[in-house]
Amino acid sequence: MGLCDGLSHCKLALVFAVVMDLLGGTALLVGVFARLETKGQDYGDMLVYTGALFVVASLAGWVLWYSGNIEGLTSKKELGHISSAVDRLARNLSRKIHSYRNHF
């Protein structure tokens, strides 16, 4: 068993989310607690807003990672329903991403 076996798929999205969280949290804390004044200009607010934007951007990474690791869902076709165009499109896109990921 490897170190990352529990992470399964979409490791790049996980790395993106963690890095953005770390950058955002650091920028928020520095902006709140450090005195960043140069020639009468306070730069703390800029770091607080930038940190918040990094944390919001990390949410995209978390959603991609979580949705990429969902397994065990049955399709409508397996349940006896006619598959819709959206299901076919999602299935084809998922297969292309999976086959592209297996090449590297």
PDB file of N, CA and C in Angstrom:
ATOM      1  N   MET A   1       0.839  -1.181   0.000  1.00  0.00           N
ATOM      2  CA  MET A   1       0.000   0.000   0.000  1.00  0.00           C
ATOM      3  C   MET A   1       0.880   1.238   0.000  1.00  0.00           C
ATOM      4  N   GLY A   2       0.605   2.132  -0.938  1.00  0.00           N
ATOM      5  CA  GLY A   2       1.363   3.372  -1.030  1.00  0.00           C
ATOM      6  C   GLY A   2       0.808   4.435  -0.101  1.00  0.00           C
ATOM      7  N   LEU A   3       1.524   5.498  -0.026  1.00  0.00           N
ATOM      8  CA  LEU A   3       1.131   6.598   0.839  1.00  0.00           C
ATOM      9  C   LEU A   3      -0.140   7.275   0.353  1.00  0.00           C
ATOM     10  N   CYS A   4      -0.335   7.342  -0.954  1.00  0.00           N
ATOM     11  CA  CYS A   4      -1.471   8.074  -1.528  1.00  0.00           C
ATOM     12  C   CYS A   4      -2.586   7.166  -2.017  1.00  0.00           C
ATOM     13  N   ASP A   5      -2.655   5.930  -1.593  1.00  0.00           N
ATOM     14  CA  ASP A   5      -3.691   5.023  -2.085  1.00  0.00           C
ATOM     15  C   ASP A   5      -5.086   5.470  -1.677  1.00  0.00           C
ATOM     16  N   GLY A   6      -5.224   6.056  -0.509  1.00  0.00           N
ATOM     17  CA  GLY A   6      -6.533   6.499  -0.051  1.00  0.00           C
ATOM     18  C   GLY A   6      -7.034   7.726  -0.790  1.00  0.00           C
ATOM     19  N   LEU A   7      -6.149   8.429  -1.472  1.00  0.00           N
ATOM     20  CA  LEU A   7      -6.553   9.632  -2.194  1.00  0.00           C
ATOM     21  C   LEU A   7      -7.157   9.291  -3.538  1.00  0.00           C
ATOM     22  N   SER A   8      -6.811   8.139  -4.070  1.00  0.00           N
ATOM     23  CA  SER A   8      -7.360   7.584  -5.295  1.00  0.00           C
ATOM     24  C   SER A   8      -7.133   8.473  -6.507  1.00  0.00           C
ATOM     25  N   HIS A   9      -8.147   9.160  -6.957  1.00  0.00           N
ATOM     26  CA  HIS A   9      -8.091   9.908  -8.211  1.00  0.00           C
ATOM     27  C   HIS A   9      -7.920  11.400  -7.947  1.00  0.00           C
ATOM     28  N   CYS A  10      -7.626  12.135  -8.992  1.00  0.00           N
ATOM     29  CA  CYS A  10      -7.612  13.601  -8.991  1.00  0.00           C
ATOM     30  C   CYS A  10      -6.630  14.197  -7.977  1.00  0.00           C
ATOM     31  N   LYS A  11      -5.432  13.665  -7.961  1.00  0.00           N
ATOM     32  CA  LYS A  11      -4.438  14.156  -7.009  1.00  0.00           C
ATOM     33  C   LYS A  11      -4.013  15.586  -7.322  1.00  0.00           C
ATOM     34  N   LEU A  12      -4.047  15.977  -8.590  1.00  0.00           N
ATOM     35  CA  LEU A  12      -3.693  17.336  -8.962  1.00  0.00           C
ATOM     36  C   LEU A  12      -4.689  18.345  -8.384  1.00  0.00           C
ATOM     37  N   ALA A  13      -5.972  18.012  -8.414  1.00  0.00           N
ATOM     38  CA  ALA A  13      -6.985  18.891  -7.822  1.00  0.00           C
ATOM     39  C   ALA A  13      -6.797  18.984  -6.313  1.00  0.00           C
ATOM     40  N   LEU A  14      -6.407  17.890  -5.681  1.00  0.00           N
ATOM     41  CA  LEU A  14      -6.158  17.896  -4.247  1.00  0.00           C
ATOM     42  C   LEU A  14      -4.965  18.778  -3.911  1.00  0.00           C
ATOM     43  N   VAL A  15      -3.897  18.659  -4.680  1.00  0.00           N
ATOM     44  CA  VAL A  15      -2.712  19.494  -4.454  1.00  0.00           C
ATOM     45  C   VAL A  15      -3.062  20.963  -4.645  1.00  0.00           C
ATOM     46  N   PHE A  16      -3.819  21.273  -5.696  1.00  0.00           N
ATOM     47  CA  PHE A  16      -4.238  22.653  -5.939  1.00  0.00           C
ATOM     48  C   PHE A  16      -5.027  23.193  -4.755  1.00  0.00           C
ATOM     49  N   ALA A  17      -5.994  22.410  -4.261  1.00  0.00           N
ATOM     50  CA  ALA A  17      -6.840  22.862  -3.160  1.00  0.00           C
ATOM     51  C   ALA A  17      -6.025  23.093  -1.888  1.00  0.00           C
ATOM     52  N   VAL A  18      -5.121  22.187  -1.581  1.00  0.00           N
ATOM     53  CA  VAL A  18      -4.322  22.324  -0.356  1.00  0.00           C
ATOM     54  C   VAL A  18      -3.381  23.528  -0.453  1.00  0.00           C
ATOM     55  N   VAL A  19      -2.740  23.700  -1.607  1.00  0.00           N
ATOM     56  CA  VAL A  19      -1.821  24.832  -1.779  1.00  0.00           C
ATOM     57  C   VAL A  19      -2.576  26.151  -1.685  1.00  0.00           C
ATOM     58  N   MET A  20      -3.731  26.238  -2.314  1.00  0.00           N
ATOM     59  CA  MET A  20      -4.511  27.473  -2.247  1.00  0.00           C
ATOM     60  C   MET A  20      -5.008  27.742  -0.835  1.00  0.00           C
ATOM     61  N   ASP A  21      -5.368  26.703  -0.097  1.00  0.00           N
ATOM     62  CA  ASP A  21      -5.762  26.884   1.304  1.00  0.00           C
ATOM     63  C   ASP A  21      -4.597  27.395   2.147  1.00  0.00           C
ATOM     64  N   LEU A  22      -3.428  26.817   1.939  1.00  0.00           N
ATOM     65  CA  LEU A  22      -2.261  27.259   2.701  1.00  0.00           C
ATOM     66  C   LEU A  22      -1.897  28.710   2.373  1.00  0.00           C
ATOM     67  N   LEU A  23      -1.881  29.043   1.085  1.00  0.00           N
ATOM     68  CA  LEU A  23      -1.585  30.425   0.692  1.00  0.00           C
ATOM     69  C   LEU A  23      -2.638  31.393   1.233  1.00  0.00           C
ATOM     70  N   GLY A  24      -3.895  31.017   1.105  1.00  0.00           N
ATOM     71  CA  GLY A  24      -4.975  31.879   1.575  1.00  0.00           C
ATOM     72  C   GLY A  24      -4.963  32.067   3.077  1.00  0.00           C
ATOM     73  N   GLY A  25      -4.763  30.983   3.805  1.00  0.00           N
ATOM     74  CA  GLY A  25      -4.711  31.088   5.265  1.00  0.00           C
ATOM     75  C   GLY A  25      -3.535  31.912   5.736  1.00  0.00           C
ATOM     76  N   THR A  26      -2.387  31.724   5.094  1.00  0.00           N
ATOM     77  CA  THR A  26      -1.202  32.500   5.465  1.00  0.00           C
ATOM     78  C   THR A  26      -1.414  33.981   5.170  1.00  0.00           C
ATOM     79  N   ALA A  27      -1.947  34.288   3.994  1.00  0.00           N
ATOM     80  CA  ALA A  27      -2.187  35.689   3.641  1.00  0.00           C
ATOM     81  C   ALA A  27      -3.205  36.328   4.583  1.00  0.00           C
ATOM     82  N   LEU A  28      -4.237  35.595   4.946  1.00  0.00           N
ATOM     83  CA  LEU A  28      -5.224  36.118   5.889  1.00  0.00           C
ATOM     84  C   LEU A  28      -4.595  36.424   7.250  1.00  0.00           C
ATOM     85  N   LEU A  29      -3.831  35.483   7.763  1.00  0.00           N
ATOM     86  CA  LEU A  29      -3.229  35.688   9.085  1.00  0.00           C
ATOM     87  C   LEU A  29      -2.205  36.812   9.080  1.00  0.00           C
ATOM     88  N   VAL A  30      -1.400  36.883   8.035  1.00  0.00           N
ATOM     89  CA  VAL A  30      -0.419  37.964   7.945  1.00  0.00           C
ATOM     90  C   VAL A  30      -1.131  39.298   7.805  1.00  0.00           C
ATOM     91  N   GLY A  31      -2.177  39.339   7.001  1.00  0.00           N
ATOM     92  CA  GLY A  31      -2.917  40.580   6.813  1.00  0.00           C
ATOM     93  C   GLY A  31      -3.614  41.064   8.071  1.00  0.00           C
ATOM     94  N   VAL A  32      -4.052  40.139   8.913  1.00  0.00           N
ATOM     95  CA  VAL A  32      -4.755  40.517  10.135  1.00  0.00           C
ATOM     96  C   VAL A  32      -3.782  40.893  11.252  1.00  0.00           C
ATOM     97  N   PHE A  33      -2.725  40.117  11.424  1.00  0.00           N
ATOM     98  CA  PHE A  33      -1.891  40.281  12.609  1.00  0.00           C
ATOM     99  C   PHE A  33      -0.587  41.052  12.396  1.00  0.00           C
ATOM    100  N   ALA A  34      -0.133  41.202  11.174  1.00  0.00           N
ATOM    101  CA  ALA A  34       1.139  41.897  10.951  1.00  0.00           C
ATOM    102  C   ALA A  34       0.885  43.367  10.605  1.00  0.00           C
ATOM    103  N   ARG A  35       1.794  44.219  11.021  1.00  0.00           N
ATOM    104  CA  ARG A  35       1.727  45.644  10.666  1.00  0.00           C
ATOM    105  C   ARG A  35       2.470  45.832   9.353  1.00  0.00           C
ATOM    106  N   LEU A  36       1.726  46.044   8.294  1.00  0.00           N
ATOM    107  CA  LEU A  36       2.322  46.195   6.975  1.00  0.00           C
ATOM    108  C   LEU A  36       2.060  47.615   6.473  1.00  0.00           C
ATOM    109  N   GLU A  37       2.826  48.540   6.960  1.00  0.00           N
ATOM    110  CA  GLU A  37       2.684  49.933   6.567  1.00  0.00           C
ATOM    111  C   GLU A  37       3.944  50.411   5.882  1.00  0.00           C
ATOM    112  N   THR A  38       3.764  51.041   4.724  1.00  0.00           N
ATOM    113  CA  THR A  38       4.874  51.636   3.992  1.00  0.00           C
ATOM    114  C   THR A  38       4.449  53.026   3.555  1.00  0.00           C
ATOM    115  N   LYS A  39       5.151  54.045   4.023  1.00  0.00           N
ATOM    116  CA  LYS A  39       4.871  55.443   3.675  1.00  0.00           C
ATOM    117  C   LYS A  39       3.413  55.805   3.927  1.00  0.00           C
ATOM    118  N   GLY A  40       2.885  55.355   5.029  1.00  0.00           N
ATOM    119  CA  GLY A  40       1.518  55.686   5.406  1.00  0.00           C
ATOM    120  C   GLY A  40       0.449  54.824   4.764  1.00  0.00           C
ATOM    121  N   GLN A  41       0.815  53.898   3.905  1.00  0.00           N
ATOM    122  CA  GLN A  41      -0.142  53.001   3.250  1.00  0.00           C
ATOM    123  C   GLN A  41      -0.188  51.669   3.989  1.00  0.00           C
ATOM    124  N   ASP A  42      -1.389  51.247   4.337  1.00  0.00           N
ATOM    125  CA  ASP A  42      -1.563  49.966   5.025  1.00  0.00           C
ATOM    126  C   ASP A  42      -1.903  48.898   3.987  1.00  0.00           C
ATOM    127  N   TYR A  43      -1.117  47.816   3.961  1.00  0.00           N
ATOM    128  CA  TYR A  43      -1.317  46.735   2.994  1.00  0.00           C
ATOM    129  C   TYR A  43      -1.960  45.499   3.621  1.00  0.00           C
ATOM    130  N   GLY A  44      -2.381  45.609   4.854  1.00  0.00           N
ATOM    131  CA  GLY A  44      -3.013  44.471   5.516  1.00  0.00           C
ATOM    132  C   GLY A  44      -4.337  44.092   4.888  1.00  0.00           C
ATOM    133  N   ASP A  45      -5.133  45.092   4.509  1.00  0.00           N
ATOM    134  CA  ASP A  45      -6.427  44.803   3.890  1.00  0.00           C
ATOM    135  C   ASP A  45      -6.264  44.058   2.570  1.00  0.00           C
ATOM    136  N   MET A  46      -5.245  44.444   1.810  1.00  0.00           N
ATOM    137  CA  MET A  46      -5.007  43.774   0.530  1.00  0.00           C
ATOM    138  C   MET A  46      -4.715  42.286   0.754  1.00  0.00           C
ATOM    139  N   LEU A  47      -3.922  41.974   1.775  1.00  0.00           N
ATOM    140  CA  LEU A  47      -3.623  40.566   2.049  1.00  0.00           C
ATOM    141  C   LEU A  47      -4.844  39.811   2.554  1.00  0.00           C
ATOM    142  N   VAL A  48      -5.690  40.467   3.326  1.00  0.00           N
ATOM    143  CA  VAL A  48      -6.911  39.811   3.806  1.00  0.00           C
ATOM    144  C   VAL A  48      -7.815  39.465   2.631  1.00  0.00           C
ATOM    145  N   TYR A  49      -8.018  40.404   1.720  1.00  0.00           N
ATOM    146  CA  TYR A  49      -8.876  40.138   0.560  1.00  0.00           C
ATOM    147  C   TYR A  49      -8.249  39.101  -0.366  1.00  0.00           C
ATOM    148  N   THR A  50      -6.950  39.184  -0.565  1.00  0.00           N
ATOM    149  CA  THR A  50      -6.270  38.208  -1.416  1.00  0.00           C
ATOM    150  C   THR A  50      -6.355  36.812  -0.804  1.00  0.00           C
ATOM    151  N   GLY A  51      -6.165  36.715   0.501  1.00  0.00           N
ATOM    152  CA  GLY A  51      -6.275  35.419   1.181  1.00  0.00           C
ATOM    153  C   GLY A  51      -7.666  34.836   1.057  1.00  0.00           C
ATOM    154  N   ALA A  52      -8.671  35.695   1.170  1.00  0.00           N
ATOM    155  CA  ALA A  52     -10.048  35.214   1.015  1.00  0.00           C
ATOM    156  C   ALA A  52     -10.288  34.704  -0.402  1.00  0.00           C
ATOM    157  N   LEU A  53      -9.738  35.382  -1.395  1.00  0.00           N
ATOM    158  CA  LEU A  53      -9.881  34.920  -2.777  1.00  0.00           C
ATOM    159  C   LEU A  53      -9.178  33.579  -3.006  1.00  0.00           C
ATOM    160  N   PHE A  54      -8.019  33.397  -2.389  1.00  0.00           N
ATOM    161  CA  PHE A  54      -7.322  32.109  -2.496  1.00  0.00           C
ATOM    162  C   PHE A  54      -8.149  30.983  -1.872  1.00  0.00           C
ATOM    163  N   VAL A  55      -8.747  31.246  -0.737  1.00  0.00           N
ATOM    164  CA  VAL A  55      -9.561  30.222  -0.072  1.00  0.00           C
ATOM    165  C   VAL A  55     -10.795  29.897  -0.912  1.00  0.00           C
ATOM    166  N   VAL A  56     -11.415  30.904  -1.510  1.00  0.00           N
ATOM    167  CA  VAL A  56     -12.567  30.656  -2.382  1.00  0.00           C
ATOM    168  C   VAL A  56     -12.137  29.854  -3.611  1.00  0.00           C
ATOM    169  N   ALA A  57     -10.966  30.170  -4.171  1.00  0.00           N
ATOM    170  CA  ALA A  57     -10.470  29.422  -5.335  1.00  0.00           C
ATOM    171  C   ALA A  57     -10.180  27.970  -4.958  1.00  0.00           C
ATOM    172  N   SER A  58      -9.765  27.747  -3.720  1.00  0.00           N
ATOM    173  CA  SER A  58      -9.481  26.371  -3.306  1.00  0.00           C
ATOM    174  C   SER A  58     -10.745  25.520  -3.266  1.00  0.00           C
ATOM    175  N   LEU A  59     -11.885  26.162  -3.089  1.00  0.00           N
ATOM    176  CA  LEU A  59     -13.140  25.404  -3.081  1.00  0.00           C
ATOM    177  C   LEU A  59     -13.365  24.689  -4.408  1.00  0.00           C
ATOM    178  N   ALA A  60     -12.941  25.309  -5.506  1.00  0.00           N
ATOM    179  CA  ALA A  60     -13.061  24.648  -6.812  1.00  0.00           C
ATOM    180  C   ALA A  60     -12.231  23.369  -6.830  1.00  0.00           C
ATOM    181  N   GLY A  61     -11.032  23.429  -6.271  1.00  0.00           N
ATOM    182  CA  GLY A  61     -10.190  22.234  -6.204  1.00  0.00           C
ATOM    183  C   GLY A  61     -10.806  21.145  -5.346  1.00  0.00           C
ATOM    184  N   TRP A  62     -11.393  21.540  -4.221  1.00  0.00           N
ATOM    185  CA  TRP A  62     -12.023  20.542  -3.349  1.00  0.00           C
ATOM    186  C   TRP A  62     -13.226  19.898  -4.026  1.00  0.00           C
ATOM    187  N   VAL A  63     -14.016  20.686  -4.742  1.00  0.00           N
ATOM    188  CA  VAL A  63     -15.186  20.130  -5.444  1.00  0.00           C
ATOM    189  C   VAL A  63     -14.733  19.179  -6.549  1.00  0.00           C
ATOM    190  N   LEU A  64     -13.702  19.572  -7.308  1.00  0.00           N
ATOM    191  CA  LEU A  64     -13.194  18.686  -8.361  1.00  0.00           C
ATOM    192  C   LEU A  64     -12.640  17.391  -7.772  1.00  0.00           C
ATOM    193  N   TRP A  65     -11.894  17.508  -6.696  1.00  0.00           N
ATOM    194  CA  TRP A  65     -11.319  16.309  -6.081  1.00  0.00           C
ATOM    195  C   TRP A  65     -12.412  15.393  -5.549  1.00  0.00           C
ATOM    196  N   TYR A  66     -13.381  15.961  -4.859  1.00  0.00           N
ATOM    197  CA  TYR A  66     -14.449  15.144  -4.286  1.00  0.00           C
ATOM    198  C   TYR A  66     -15.280  14.486  -5.373  1.00  0.00           C
ATOM    199  N   SER A  67     -15.669  15.258  -6.389  1.00  0.00           N
ATOM    200  CA  SER A  67     -16.502  14.688  -7.434  1.00  0.00           C
ATOM    201  C   SER A  67     -15.726  13.674  -8.274  1.00  0.00           C
ATOM    202  N   GLY A  68     -14.420  13.810  -8.367  1.00  0.00           N
ATOM    203  CA  GLY A  68     -13.621  12.842  -9.098  1.00  0.00           C
ATOM    204  C   GLY A  68     -13.419  11.540  -8.350  1.00  0.00           C
ATOM    205  N   ASN A  69     -13.699  11.529  -7.058  1.00  0.00           N
ATOM    206  CA  ASN A  69     -13.517  10.331  -6.253  1.00  0.00           C
ATOM    207  C   ASN A  69     -14.817   9.616  -5.914  1.00  0.00           C
ATOM    208  N   ILE A  70     -15.925  10.067  -6.474  1.00  0.00           N
ATOM    209  CA  ILE A  70     -17.199   9.392  -6.227  1.00  0.00           C
ATOM    210  C   ILE A  70     -17.224   8.116  -7.055  1.00  0.00           C
ATOM    211  N   GLU A  71     -17.427   7.012  -6.396  1.00  0.00           N
ATOM    212  CA  GLU A  71     -17.484   5.718  -7.079  1.00  0.00           C
ATOM    213  C   GLU A  71     -18.737   4.976  -6.633  1.00  0.00           C
ATOM    214  N   GLY A  72     -19.144   4.055  -7.447  1.00  0.00           N
ATOM    215  CA  GLY A  72     -20.250   3.186  -7.054  1.00  0.00           C
ATOM    216  C   GLY A  72     -21.619   3.698  -7.432  1.00  0.00           C
ATOM    217  N   LEU A  73     -21.704   4.788  -8.189  1.00  0.00           N
ATOM    218  CA  LEU A  73     -23.008   5.263  -8.622  1.00  0.00           C
ATOM    219  C   LEU A  73     -23.492   4.430  -9.803  1.00  0.00           C
ATOM    220  N   THR A  74     -24.728   4.047  -9.767  1.00  0.00           N
ATOM    221  CA  THR A  74     -25.283   3.264 -10.867  1.00  0.00           C
ATOM    222  C   THR A  74     -25.877   4.214 -11.892  1.00  0.00           C
ATOM    223  N   SER A  75     -25.706   3.888 -13.145  1.00  0.00           N
ATOM    224  CA  SER A  75     -26.264   4.721 -14.204  1.00  0.00           C
ATOM    225  C   SER A  75     -27.729   4.362 -14.427  1.00  0.00           C
ATOM    226  N   LYS A  76     -28.429   5.237 -15.135  1.00  0.00           N
ATOM    227  CA  LYS A  76     -29.833   4.973 -15.436  1.00  0.00           C
ATOM    228  C   LYS A  76     -29.986   3.749 -16.323  1.00  0.00           C
ATOM    229  N   LYS A  77     -28.986   3.512 -17.172  1.00  0.00           N
ATOM    230  CA  LYS A  77     -29.043   2.364 -18.074  1.00  0.00           C
ATOM    231  C   LYS A  77     -29.010   1.061 -17.270  1.00  0.00           C
ATOM    232  N   GLU A  78     -28.193   1.042 -16.214  1.00  0.00           N
ATOM    233  CA  GLU A  78     -28.135  -0.151 -15.369  1.00  0.00           C
ATOM    234  C   GLU A  78     -29.433  -0.343 -14.601  1.00  0.00           C
ATOM    235  N   LEU A  79     -30.130   0.758 -14.348  1.00  0.00           N
ATOM    236  CA  LEU A  79     -31.403   0.671 -13.641  1.00  0.00           C
ATOM    237  C   LEU A  79     -32.568   0.370 -14.581  1.00  0.00           C
ATOM    238  N   GLY A  80     -32.306   0.334 -15.898  1.00  0.00           N
ATOM    239  CA  GLY A  80     -33.349   0.013 -16.857  1.00  0.00           C
ATOM    240  C   GLY A  80     -33.926   1.217 -17.566  1.00  0.00           C
ATOM    241  N   HIS A  81     -33.403   2.410 -17.334  1.00  0.00           N
ATOM    242  CA  HIS A  81     -33.898   3.613 -17.997  1.00  0.00           C
ATOM    243  C   HIS A  81     -33.064   3.890 -19.247  1.00  0.00           C
ATOM    244  N   ILE A  82     -33.647   4.623 -20.151  1.00  0.00           N
ATOM    245  CA  ILE A  82     -32.918   5.052 -21.343  1.00  0.00           C
ATOM    246  C   ILE A  82     -31.997   6.191 -20.924  1.00  0.00           C
ATOM    247  N   SER A  83     -30.732   6.097 -21.305  1.00  0.00           N
ATOM    248  CA  SER A  83     -29.787   7.125 -20.887  1.00  0.00           C
ATOM    249  C   SER A  83     -30.027   8.412 -21.667  1.00  0.00           C
ATOM    250  N   SER A  84     -29.859   9.520 -20.979  1.00  0.00           N
ATOM    251  CA  SER A  84     -30.072  10.815 -21.604  1.00  0.00           C
ATOM    252  C   SER A  84     -28.784  11.299 -22.264  1.00  0.00           C
ATOM    253  N   ALA A  85     -28.888  12.377 -23.018  1.00  0.00           N
ATOM    254  CA  ALA A  85     -27.721  12.941 -23.702  1.00  0.00           C
ATOM    255  C   ALA A  85     -26.702  13.447 -22.689  1.00  0.00           C
ATOM    256  N   VAL A  86     -27.164  13.981 -21.580  1.00  0.00           N
ATOM    257  CA  VAL A  86     -26.252  14.481 -20.545  1.00  0.00           C
ATOM    258  C   VAL A  86     -25.469  13.326 -19.932  1.00  0.00           C
ATOM    259  N   ASP A  87     -26.131  12.208 -19.695  1.00  0.00           N
ATOM    260  CA  ASP A  87     -25.439  11.033 -19.148  1.00  0.00           C
ATOM    261  C   ASP A  87     -24.386  10.526 -20.115  1.00  0.00           C
ATOM    262  N   ARG A  88     -24.709  10.455 -21.403  1.00  0.00           N
ATOM    263  CA  ARG A  88     -23.744   9.998 -22.400  1.00  0.00           C
ATOM    264  C   ARG A  88     -22.560  10.949 -22.485  1.00  0.00           C
ATOM    265  N   LEU A  89     -22.837  12.256 -22.457  1.00  0.00           N
ATOM    266  CA  LEU A  89     -21.773  13.244 -22.520  1.00  0.00           C
ATOM    267  C   LEU A  89     -20.856  13.143 -21.300  1.00  0.00           C
ATOM    268  N   ALA A  90     -21.449  13.020 -20.125  1.00  0.00           N
ATOM    269  CA  ALA A  90     -20.655  12.902 -18.902  1.00  0.00           C
ATOM    270  C   ALA A  90     -19.834  11.617 -18.908  1.00  0.00           C
ATOM    271  N   ARG A  91     -20.418  10.528 -19.367  1.00  0.00           N
ATOM    272  CA  ARG A  91     -19.709   9.260 -19.411  1.00  0.00           C
ATOM    273  C   ARG A  91     -18.537   9.318 -20.386  1.00  0.00           C
ATOM    274  N   ASN A  92     -18.765   9.900 -21.566  1.00  0.00           N
ATOM    275  CA  ASN A  92     -17.688  10.017 -22.553  1.00  0.00           C
ATOM    276  C   ASN A  92     -16.570  10.916 -22.047  1.00  0.00           C
ATOM    277  N   LEU A  93     -16.929  12.035 -21.435  1.00  0.00           N
ATOM    278  CA  LEU A  93     -15.927  12.948 -20.890  1.00  0.00           C
ATOM    279  C   LEU A  93     -15.130  12.274 -19.778  1.00  0.00           C
ATOM    280  N   SER A  94     -15.813  11.532 -18.924  1.00  0.00           N
ATOM    281  CA  SER A  94     -15.135  10.823 -17.846  1.00  0.00           C
ATOM    282  C   SER A  94     -14.174   9.779 -18.389  1.00  0.00           C
ATOM    283  N   ARG A  95     -14.579   9.051 -19.421  1.00  0.00           N
ATOM    284  CA  ARG A  95     -13.698   8.049 -20.018  1.00  0.00           C
ATOM    285  C   ARG A  95     -12.477   8.693 -20.657  1.00  0.00           C
ATOM    286  N   LYS A  96     -12.653   9.836 -21.328  1.00  0.00           N
ATOM    287  CA  LYS A  96     -11.532  10.524 -21.950  1.00  0.00           C
ATOM    288  C   LYS A  96     -10.544  11.021 -20.905  1.00  0.00           C
ATOM    289  N   ILE A  97     -11.064  11.599 -19.823  1.00  0.00           N
ATOM    290  CA  ILE A  97     -10.185  12.080 -18.751  1.00  0.00           C
ATOM    291  C   ILE A  97      -9.457  10.911 -18.117  1.00  0.00           C
ATOM    292  N   HIS A  98     -10.173   9.810 -17.881  1.00  0.00           N
ATOM    293  CA  HIS A  98      -9.562   8.638 -17.253  1.00  0.00           C
ATOM    294  C   HIS A  98      -8.484   8.038 -18.160  1.00  0.00           C
ATOM    295  N   SER A  99      -8.750   7.944 -19.457  1.00  0.00           N
ATOM    296  CA  SER A  99      -7.752   7.367 -20.365  1.00  0.00           C
ATOM    297  C   SER A  99      -6.568   8.315 -20.528  1.00  0.00           C
ATOM    298  N   TYR A 100      -6.803   9.626 -20.523  1.00  0.00           N
ATOM    299  CA  TYR A 100      -5.699  10.600 -20.600  1.00  0.00           C
ATOM    300  C   TYR A 100      -4.842  10.515 -19.358  1.00  0.00           C
ATOM    301  N   ARG A 101      -5.448  10.339 -18.208  1.00  0.00           N
ATOM    302  CA  ARG A 101      -4.727  10.247 -16.947  1.00  0.00           C
ATOM    303  C   ARG A 101      -3.894   8.973 -16.896  1.00  0.00           C
ATOM    304  N   ASN A 102      -4.371   7.898 -17.498  1.00  0.00           N
ATOM    305  CA  ASN A 102      -3.626   6.638 -17.473  1.00  0.00           C
ATOM    306  C   ASN A 102      -2.423   6.645 -18.385  1.00  0.00           C
ATOM    307  N   HIS A 103      -2.390   7.565 -19.356  1.00  0.00           N
ATOM    308  CA  HIS A 103      -1.233   7.663 -20.243  1.00  0.00           C
ATOM    309  C   HIS A 103      -0.027   8.234 -19.520  1.00  0.00           C
ATOM    310  N   PHE A 104      -0.235   9.041 -18.483  1.00  0.00           N
ATOM    311  CA  PHE A 104       0.883   9.703 -17.791  1.00  0.00           C
ATOM    312  C   PHE A 104       1.144   9.118 -16.450  1.00  0.00           C
TER     313      PHE A 104
END
